[in-house]
Amino acid sequence: MAENLDPVLGGQGLGGFDPVMGGLIAVQQDLASSDPKVSIRALKDALRYGEKGAQLLIQAMQQDGDWEVKLAAWETLLKSDEP
């Protein structure tokens, strides 16, 4: 039988893979977009990932160069039900 070298179908999972992290990574990538609309949309998804998502919102407020993104991050945190 031929050895299956396909990393996805080979039967060996990626070490440390977490579906939640995959979604969080997508949010991080969208936050790095130069398009403020993409970043703002990502901010709204960030809170789905709990504390790590909230940290991304705080980071966006502190570091993003676009005032609309900063405002959206602040508003998203303000509307959050999380303490």
PDB file of N, CA and C in Angstrom:
ATOM      1  N   MET A   1       0.841  -1.176   0.000  1.00  0.00           N
ATOM      2  CA  MET A   1       0.000   0.000   0.000  1.00  0.00           C
ATOM      3  C   MET A   1       0.885   1.238   0.000  1.00  0.00           C
ATOM      4  N   ALA A   2       0.553   2.183  -0.863  1.00  0.00           N
ATOM      5  CA  ALA A   2       1.338   3.420  -0.968  1.00  0.00           C
ATOM      6  C   ALA A   2       1.110   4.296   0.259  1.00  0.00           C
ATOM      7  N   GLU A   3       2.170   4.938   0.697  1.00  0.00           N
ATOM      8  CA  GLU A   3       2.088   5.832   1.857  1.00  0.00           C
ATOM      9  C   GLU A   3       1.384   7.121   1.444  1.00  0.00           C
ATOM     10  N   ASN A   4       0.430   7.536   2.244  1.00  0.00           N
ATOM     11  CA  ASN A   4      -0.300   8.774   1.971  1.00  0.00           C
ATOM     12  C   ASN A   4       0.450   9.933   2.611  1.00  0.00           C
ATOM     13  N   LEU A   5       0.969  10.829   1.784  1.00  0.00           N
ATOM     14  CA  LEU A   5       1.741  11.962   2.285  1.00  0.00           C
ATOM     15  C   LEU A   5       0.926  13.255   2.339  1.00  0.00           C
ATOM     16  N   ASP A   6      -0.342  13.173   2.028  1.00  0.00           N
ATOM     17  CA  ASP A   6      -1.203  14.349   2.071  1.00  0.00           C
ATOM     18  C   ASP A   6      -1.382  14.794   3.521  1.00  0.00           C
ATOM     19  N   PRO A   7      -1.008  16.044   3.870  1.00  0.00           N
ATOM     20  CA  PRO A   7      -1.091  16.475   5.270  1.00  0.00           C
ATOM     21  C   PRO A   7      -2.521  16.543   5.801  1.00  0.00           C
ATOM     22  N   VAL A   8      -3.490  16.702   4.900  1.00  0.00           N
ATOM     23  CA  VAL A   8      -4.879  16.776   5.352  1.00  0.00           C
ATOM     24  C   VAL A   8      -5.499  15.394   5.436  1.00  0.00           C
ATOM     25  N   LEU A   9      -5.264  14.584   4.425  1.00  0.00           N
ATOM     26  CA  LEU A   9      -5.894  13.276   4.362  1.00  0.00           C
ATOM     27  C   LEU A   9      -5.018  12.167   4.912  1.00  0.00           C
ATOM     28  N   GLY A  10      -3.827  12.485   5.337  1.00  0.00           N
ATOM     29  CA  GLY A  10      -2.872  11.478   5.772  1.00  0.00           C
ATOM     30  C   GLY A  10      -3.191  10.840   7.107  1.00  0.00           C
ATOM     31  N   GLY A  11      -4.217  11.309   7.783  1.00  0.00           N
ATOM     32  CA  GLY A  11      -4.620  10.687   9.038  1.00  0.00           C
ATOM     33  C   GLY A  11      -3.908  11.259  10.251  1.00  0.00           C
ATOM     34  N   GLN A  12      -3.027  12.181  10.056  1.00  0.00           N
ATOM     35  CA  GLN A  12      -2.353  12.787  11.189  1.00  0.00           C
ATOM     36  C   GLN A  12      -2.799  14.230  11.287  1.00  0.00           C
ATOM     37  N   GLY A  13      -3.386  14.572  12.432  1.00  0.00           N
ATOM     38  CA  GLY A  13      -3.850  15.934  12.636  1.00  0.00           C
ATOM     39  C   GLY A  13      -2.696  16.875  12.884  1.00  0.00           C
ATOM     40  N   LEU A  14      -2.956  18.121  12.674  1.00  0.00           N
ATOM     41  CA  LEU A  14      -1.956  19.138  12.961  1.00  0.00           C
ATOM     42  C   LEU A  14      -1.833  19.302  14.466  1.00  0.00           C
ATOM     43  N   GLY A  15      -0.654  19.369  14.964  1.00  0.00           N
ATOM     44  CA  GLY A  15      -0.444  19.543  16.391  1.00  0.00           C
ATOM     45  C   GLY A  15      -0.999  20.863  16.874  1.00  0.00           C
ATOM     46  N   GLY A  16      -1.838  20.813  17.892  1.00  0.00           N
ATOM     47  CA  GLY A  16      -2.362  22.039  18.482  1.00  0.00           C
ATOM     48  C   GLY A  16      -3.472  22.694  17.685  1.00  0.00           C
ATOM     49  N   PHE A  17      -3.999  22.023  16.685  1.00  0.00           N
ATOM     50  CA  PHE A  17      -5.075  22.636  15.908  1.00  0.00           C
ATOM     51  C   PHE A  17      -6.327  22.758  16.752  1.00  0.00           C
ATOM     52  N   ASP A  18      -6.909  23.908  16.708  1.00  0.00           N
ATOM     53  CA  ASP A  18      -8.129  24.195  17.461  1.00  0.00           C
ATOM     54  C   ASP A  18      -9.050  24.970  16.528  1.00  0.00           C
ATOM     55  N   PRO A  19     -10.271  24.464  16.250  1.00  0.00           N
ATOM     56  CA  PRO A  19     -11.152  25.166  15.318  1.00  0.00           C
ATOM     57  C   PRO A  19     -11.444  26.596  15.749  1.00  0.00           C
ATOM     58  N   VAL A  20     -11.483  26.836  17.039  1.00  0.00           N
ATOM     59  CA  VAL A  20     -11.714  28.191  17.510  1.00  0.00           C
ATOM     60  C   VAL A  20     -10.538  29.079  17.120  1.00  0.00           C
ATOM     61  N   MET A  21      -9.324  28.563  17.239  1.00  0.00           N
ATOM     62  CA  MET A  21      -8.155  29.331  16.860  1.00  0.00           C
ATOM     63  C   MET A  21      -8.171  29.635  15.368  1.00  0.00           C
ATOM     64  N   GLY A  22      -8.678  28.709  14.561  1.00  0.00           N
ATOM     65  CA  GLY A  22      -8.771  28.975  13.130  1.00  0.00           C
ATOM     66  C   GLY A  22      -9.638  30.183  12.858  1.00  0.00           C
ATOM     67  N   GLY A  23     -10.759  30.273  13.553  1.00  0.00           N
ATOM     68  CA  GLY A  23     -11.638  31.426  13.405  1.00  0.00           C
ATOM     69  C   GLY A  23     -10.990  32.685  13.927  1.00  0.00           C
ATOM     70  N   LEU A  24     -10.279  32.573  15.017  1.00  0.00           N
ATOM     71  CA  LEU A  24      -9.598  33.716  15.602  1.00  0.00           C
ATOM     72  C   LEU A  24      -8.481  34.198  14.684  1.00  0.00           C
ATOM     73  N   ILE A  25      -7.803  33.266  14.050  1.00  0.00           N
ATOM     74  CA  ILE A  25      -6.753  33.638  13.102  1.00  0.00           C
ATOM     75  C   ILE A  25      -7.355  34.385  11.914  1.00  0.00           C
ATOM     76  N   ALA A  26      -8.515  33.952  11.458  1.00  0.00           N
ATOM     77  CA  ALA A  26      -9.189  34.653  10.366  1.00  0.00           C
ATOM     78  C   ALA A  26      -9.555  36.077  10.786  1.00  0.00           C
ATOM     79  N   VAL A  27     -10.013  36.242  12.023  1.00  0.00           N
ATOM     80  CA  VAL A  27     -10.334  37.582  12.538  1.00  0.00           C
ATOM     81  C   VAL A  27      -9.070  38.437  12.563  1.00  0.00           C
ATOM     82  N   GLN A  28      -7.964  37.868  13.039  1.00  0.00           N
ATOM     83  CA  GLN A  28      -6.695  38.609  13.087  1.00  0.00           C
ATOM     84  C   GLN A  28      -6.262  39.034  11.685  1.00  0.00           C
ATOM     85  N   GLN A  29      -6.408  38.143  10.729  1.00  0.00           N
ATOM     86  CA  GLN A  29      -6.018  38.470   9.349  1.00  0.00           C
ATOM     87  C   GLN A  29      -6.883  39.591   8.795  1.00  0.00           C
ATOM     88  N   ASP A  30      -8.175  39.542   9.076  1.00  0.00           N
ATOM     89  CA  ASP A  30      -9.073  40.598   8.605  1.00  0.00           C
ATOM     90  C   ASP A  30      -8.769  41.928   9.292  1.00  0.00           C
ATOM     91  N   LEU A  31      -8.380  41.879  10.551  1.00  0.00           N
ATOM     92  CA  LEU A  31      -8.024  43.112  11.261  1.00  0.00           C
ATOM     93  C   LEU A  31      -6.780  43.761  10.666  1.00  0.00           C
ATOM     94  N   ALA A  32      -5.930  42.978  10.039  1.00  0.00           N
ATOM     95  CA  ALA A  32      -4.715  43.501   9.417  1.00  0.00           C
ATOM     96  C   ALA A  32      -4.989  44.098   8.032  1.00  0.00           C
ATOM     97  N   SER A  33      -6.220  44.011   7.574  1.00  0.00           N
ATOM     98  CA  SER A  33      -6.579  44.527   6.256  1.00  0.00           C
ATOM     99  C   SER A  33      -6.423  46.047   6.209  1.00  0.00           C
ATOM    100  N   SER A  34      -6.077  46.544   5.042  1.00  0.00           N
ATOM    101  CA  SER A  34      -5.990  47.993   4.863  1.00  0.00           C
ATOM    102  C   SER A  34      -7.371  48.609   4.623  1.00  0.00           C
ATOM    103  N   ASP A  35      -8.377  47.767   4.418  1.00  0.00           N
ATOM    104  CA  ASP A  35      -9.747  48.238   4.213  1.00  0.00           C
ATOM    105  C   ASP A  35     -10.462  48.314   5.560  1.00  0.00           C
ATOM    106  N   PRO A  36     -10.803  49.524   6.021  1.00  0.00           N
ATOM    107  CA  PRO A  36     -11.463  49.656   7.329  1.00  0.00           C
ATOM    108  C   PRO A  36     -12.765  48.860   7.436  1.00  0.00           C
ATOM    109  N   LYS A  37     -13.487  48.704   6.330  1.00  0.00           N
ATOM    110  CA  LYS A  37     -14.748  47.950   6.371  1.00  0.00           C
ATOM    111  C   LYS A  37     -14.499  46.486   6.716  1.00  0.00           C
ATOM    112  N   VAL A  38     -13.418  45.928   6.195  1.00  0.00           N
ATOM    113  CA  VAL A  38     -13.061  44.538   6.499  1.00  0.00           C
ATOM    114  C   VAL A  38     -12.677  44.420   7.966  1.00  0.00           C
ATOM    115  N   SER A  39     -11.893  45.365   8.451  1.00  0.00           N
ATOM    116  CA  SER A  39     -11.471  45.352   9.853  1.00  0.00           C
ATOM    117  C   SER A  39     -12.665  45.496  10.795  1.00  0.00           C
ATOM    118  N   ILE A  40     -13.570  46.386  10.471  1.00  0.00           N
ATOM    119  CA  ILE A  40     -14.745  46.605  11.324  1.00  0.00           C
ATOM    120  C   ILE A  40     -15.622  45.358  11.360  1.00  0.00           C
ATOM    121  N   ARG A  41     -15.777  44.710  10.229  1.00  0.00           N
ATOM    122  CA  ARG A  41     -16.557  43.464  10.194  1.00  0.00           C
ATOM    123  C   ARG A  41     -15.892  42.403  11.070  1.00  0.00           C
ATOM    124  N   ALA A  42     -14.568  42.355  11.049  1.00  0.00           N
ATOM    125  CA  ALA A  42     -13.827  41.388  11.872  1.00  0.00           C
ATOM    126  C   ALA A  42     -14.006  41.690  13.351  1.00  0.00           C
ATOM    127  N   LEU A  43     -14.055  42.966  13.710  1.00  0.00           N
ATOM    128  CA  LEU A  43     -14.243  43.343  15.114  1.00  0.00           C
ATOM    129  C   LEU A  43     -15.553  42.786  15.654  1.00  0.00           C
ATOM    130  N   LYS A  44     -16.568  42.818  14.838  1.00  0.00           N
ATOM    131  CA  LYS A  44     -17.878  42.329  15.282  1.00  0.00           C
ATOM    132  C   LYS A  44     -17.869  40.821  15.511  1.00  0.00           C
ATOM    133  N   ASP A  45     -16.984  40.117  14.810  1.00  0.00           N
ATOM    134  CA  ASP A  45     -16.862  38.667  14.998  1.00  0.00           C
ATOM    135  C   ASP A  45     -15.940  38.313  16.159  1.00  0.00           C
ATOM    136  N   ALA A  46     -15.082  39.231  16.553  1.00  0.00           N
ATOM    137  CA  ALA A  46     -14.046  38.925  17.544  1.00  0.00           C
ATOM    138  C   ALA A  46     -14.613  38.444  18.874  1.00  0.00           C
ATOM    139  N   LEU A  47     -15.711  39.012  19.318  1.00  0.00           N
ATOM    140  CA  LEU A  47     -16.246  38.640  20.634  1.00  0.00           C
ATOM    141  C   LEU A  47     -16.771  37.212  20.690  1.00  0.00           C
ATOM    142  N   ARG A  48     -16.913  36.580  19.550  1.00  0.00           N
ATOM    143  CA  ARG A  48     -17.309  35.164  19.532  1.00  0.00           C
ATOM    144  C   ARG A  48     -16.221  34.284  20.142  1.00  0.00           C
ATOM    145  N   TYR A  49     -15.040  34.843  20.295  1.00  0.00           N
ATOM    146  CA  TYR A  49     -13.887  34.080  20.761  1.00  0.00           C
ATOM    147  C   TYR A  49     -13.464  34.469  22.173  1.00  0.00           C
ATOM    148  N   GLY A  50     -14.428  34.952  22.944  1.00  0.00           N
ATOM    149  CA  GLY A  50     -14.212  35.201  24.364  1.00  0.00           C
ATOM    150  C   GLY A  50     -13.134  36.223  24.663  1.00  0.00           C
ATOM    151  N   GLU A  51     -12.339  35.897  25.661  1.00  0.00           N
ATOM    152  CA  GLU A  51     -11.320  36.824  26.147  1.00  0.00           C
ATOM    153  C   GLU A  51     -10.282  37.147  25.076  1.00  0.00           C
ATOM    154  N   LYS A  52      -9.905  36.151  24.291  1.00  0.00           N
ATOM    155  CA  LYS A  52      -8.914  36.396  23.233  1.00  0.00           C
ATOM    156  C   LYS A  52      -9.463  37.372  22.193  1.00  0.00           C
ATOM    157  N   GLY A  53     -10.743  37.253  21.894  1.00  0.00           N
ATOM    158  CA  GLY A  53     -11.370  38.192  20.967  1.00  0.00           C
ATOM    159  C   GLY A  53     -11.451  39.588  21.559  1.00  0.00           C
ATOM    160  N   ALA A  54     -11.766  39.668  22.848  1.00  0.00           N
ATOM    161  CA  ALA A  54     -11.811  40.970  23.521  1.00  0.00           C
ATOM    162  C   ALA A  54     -10.431  41.618  23.519  1.00  0.00           C
ATOM    163  N   GLN A  55      -9.400  40.815  23.657  1.00  0.00           N
ATOM    164  CA  GLN A  55      -8.035  41.357  23.602  1.00  0.00           C
ATOM    165  C   GLN A  55      -7.731  41.945  22.225  1.00  0.00           C
ATOM    166  N   LEU A  56      -8.264  41.321  21.180  1.00  0.00           N
ATOM    167  CA  LEU A  56      -8.085  41.866  19.836  1.00  0.00           C
ATOM    168  C   LEU A  56      -8.782  43.215  19.694  1.00  0.00           C
ATOM    169  N   LEU A  57      -9.952  43.343  20.307  1.00  0.00           N
ATOM    170  CA  LEU A  57     -10.666  44.621  20.266  1.00  0.00           C
ATOM    171  C   LEU A  57      -9.860  45.714  20.972  1.00  0.00           C
ATOM    172  N   ILE A  58      -9.329  45.378  22.122  1.00  0.00           N
ATOM    173  CA  ILE A  58      -8.522  46.342  22.869  1.00  0.00           C
ATOM    174  C   ILE A  58      -7.279  46.722  22.069  1.00  0.00           C
ATOM    175  N   GLN A  59      -6.664  45.737  21.456  1.00  0.00           N
ATOM    176  CA  GLN A  59      -5.476  45.986  20.630  1.00  0.00           C
ATOM    177  C   GLN A  59      -5.826  46.904  19.455  1.00  0.00           C
ATOM    178  N   ALA A  60      -6.980  46.688  18.841  1.00  0.00           N
ATOM    179  CA  ALA A  60      -7.404  47.535  17.727  1.00  0.00           C
ATOM    180  C   ALA A  60      -7.607  48.979  18.196  1.00  0.00           C
ATOM    181  N   MET A  61      -8.193  49.140  19.379  1.00  0.00           N
ATOM    182  CA  MET A  61      -8.398  50.495  19.909  1.00  0.00           C
ATOM    183  C   MET A  61      -7.060  51.193  20.138  1.00  0.00           C
ATOM    184  N   GLN A  62      -6.064  50.451  20.570  1.00  0.00           N
ATOM    185  CA  GLN A  62      -4.774  51.039  20.906  1.00  0.00           C
ATOM    186  C   GLN A  62      -3.869  51.241  19.697  1.00  0.00           C
ATOM    187  N   GLN A  63      -3.964  50.358  18.712  1.00  0.00           N
ATOM    188  CA  GLN A  63      -2.922  50.334  17.685  1.00  0.00           C
ATOM    189  C   GLN A  63      -3.386  50.613  16.260  1.00  0.00           C
ATOM    190  N   ASP A  64      -4.665  50.461  15.964  1.00  0.00           N
ATOM    191  CA  ASP A  64      -5.090  50.647  14.579  1.00  0.00           C
ATOM    192  C   ASP A  64      -4.949  52.118  14.191  1.00  0.00           C
ATOM    193  N   GLY A  65      -4.534  52.345  12.962  1.00  0.00           N
ATOM    194  CA  GLY A  65      -4.319  53.710  12.503  1.00  0.00           C
ATOM    195  C   GLY A  65      -5.579  54.412  12.015  1.00  0.00           C
ATOM    196  N   ASP A  66      -6.667  53.690  11.891  1.00  0.00           N
ATOM    197  CA  ASP A  66      -7.907  54.265  11.367  1.00  0.00           C
ATOM    198  C   ASP A  66      -8.867  54.571  12.512  1.00  0.00           C
ATOM    199  N   TRP A  67      -9.327  55.811  12.601  1.00  0.00           N
ATOM    200  CA  TRP A  67     -10.194  56.192  13.718  1.00  0.00           C
ATOM    201  C   TRP A  67     -11.530  55.463  13.674  1.00  0.00           C
ATOM    202  N   GLU A  68     -12.011  55.122  12.476  1.00  0.00           N
ATOM    203  CA  GLU A  68     -13.284  54.402  12.374  1.00  0.00           C
ATOM    204  C   GLU A  68     -13.162  53.000  12.988  1.00  0.00           C
ATOM    205  N   VAL A  69     -12.027  52.365  12.787  1.00  0.00           N
ATOM    206  CA  VAL A  69     -11.791  51.032  13.354  1.00  0.00           C
ATOM    207  C   VAL A  69     -11.692  51.145  14.875  1.00  0.00           C
ATOM    208  N   LYS A  70     -10.985  52.160  15.355  1.00  0.00           N
ATOM    209  CA  LYS A  70     -10.867  52.370  16.811  1.00  0.00           C
ATOM    210  C   LYS A  70     -12.239  52.595  17.443  1.00  0.00           C
ATOM    211  N   LEU A  71     -13.052  53.431  16.793  1.00  0.00           N
ATOM    212  CA  LEU A  71     -14.399  53.707  17.309  1.00  0.00           C
ATOM    213  C   LEU A  71     -15.253  52.443  17.297  1.00  0.00           C
ATOM    214  N   ALA A  72     -15.177  51.667  16.220  1.00  0.00           N
ATOM    215  CA  ALA A  72     -15.957  50.429  16.130  1.00  0.00           C
ATOM    216  C   ALA A  72     -15.533  49.434  17.205  1.00  0.00           C
ATOM    217  N   ALA A  73     -14.235  49.357  17.483  1.00  0.00           N
ATOM    218  CA  ALA A  73     -13.752  48.462  18.543  1.00  0.00           C
ATOM    219  C   ALA A  73     -14.304  48.905  19.890  1.00  0.00           C
ATOM    220  N   TRP A  74     -14.260  50.194  20.151  1.00  0.00           N
ATOM    221  CA  TRP A  74     -14.775  50.723  21.418  1.00  0.00           C
ATOM    222  C   TRP A  74     -16.275  50.451  21.552  1.00  0.00           C
ATOM    223  N   GLU A  75     -17.032  50.726  20.489  1.00  0.00           N
ATOM    224  CA  GLU A  75     -18.482  50.495  20.521  1.00  0.00           C
ATOM    225  C   GLU A  75     -18.811  49.014  20.698  1.00  0.00           C
ATOM    226  N   THR A  76     -18.045  48.148  20.064  1.00  0.00           N
ATOM    227  CA  THR A  76     -18.278  46.710  20.186  1.00  0.00           C
ATOM    228  C   THR A  76     -18.041  46.251  21.611  1.00  0.00           C
ATOM    229  N   LEU A  77     -16.975  46.727  22.232  1.00  0.00           N
ATOM    230  CA  LEU A  77     -16.717  46.383  23.629  1.00  0.00           C
ATOM    231  C   LEU A  77     -17.789  46.959  24.539  1.00  0.00           C
ATOM    232  N   LEU A  78     -18.226  48.164  24.255  1.00  0.00           N
ATOM    233  CA  LEU A  78     -19.243  48.820  25.077  1.00  0.00           C
ATOM    234  C   LEU A  78     -20.565  48.055  25.050  1.00  0.00           C
ATOM    235  N   LYS A  79     -20.919  47.518  23.889  1.00  0.00           N
ATOM    236  CA  LYS A  79     -22.180  46.789  23.724  1.00  0.00           C
ATOM    237  C   LYS A  79     -22.095  45.336  24.184  1.00  0.00           C
ATOM    238  N   SER A  80     -20.896  44.888  24.495  1.00  0.00           N
ATOM    239  CA  SER A  80     -20.687  43.493  24.869  1.00  0.00           C
ATOM    240  C   SER A  80     -21.367  43.155  26.191  1.00  0.00           C
ATOM    241  N   ASP A  81     -21.874  41.940  26.279  1.00  0.00           N
ATOM    242  CA  ASP A  81     -22.482  41.452  27.531  1.00  0.00           C
ATOM    243  C   ASP A  81     -21.441  40.886  28.466  1.00  0.00           C
ATOM    244  N   GLU A  82     -20.223  40.714  27.959  1.00  0.00           N
ATOM    245  CA  GLU A  82     -19.152  40.142  28.775  1.00  0.00           C
ATOM    246  C   GLU A  82     -18.648  41.171  29.785  1.00  0.00           C
ATOM    247  N   PRO A  83     -18.272  40.707  30.973  1.00  0.00           N
ATOM    248  CA  PRO A  83     -17.742  41.663  31.968  1.00  0.00           C
ATOM    249  C   PRO A  83     -16.358  42.153  31.611  1.00  0.00           C
TER     250      PRO A  83
END
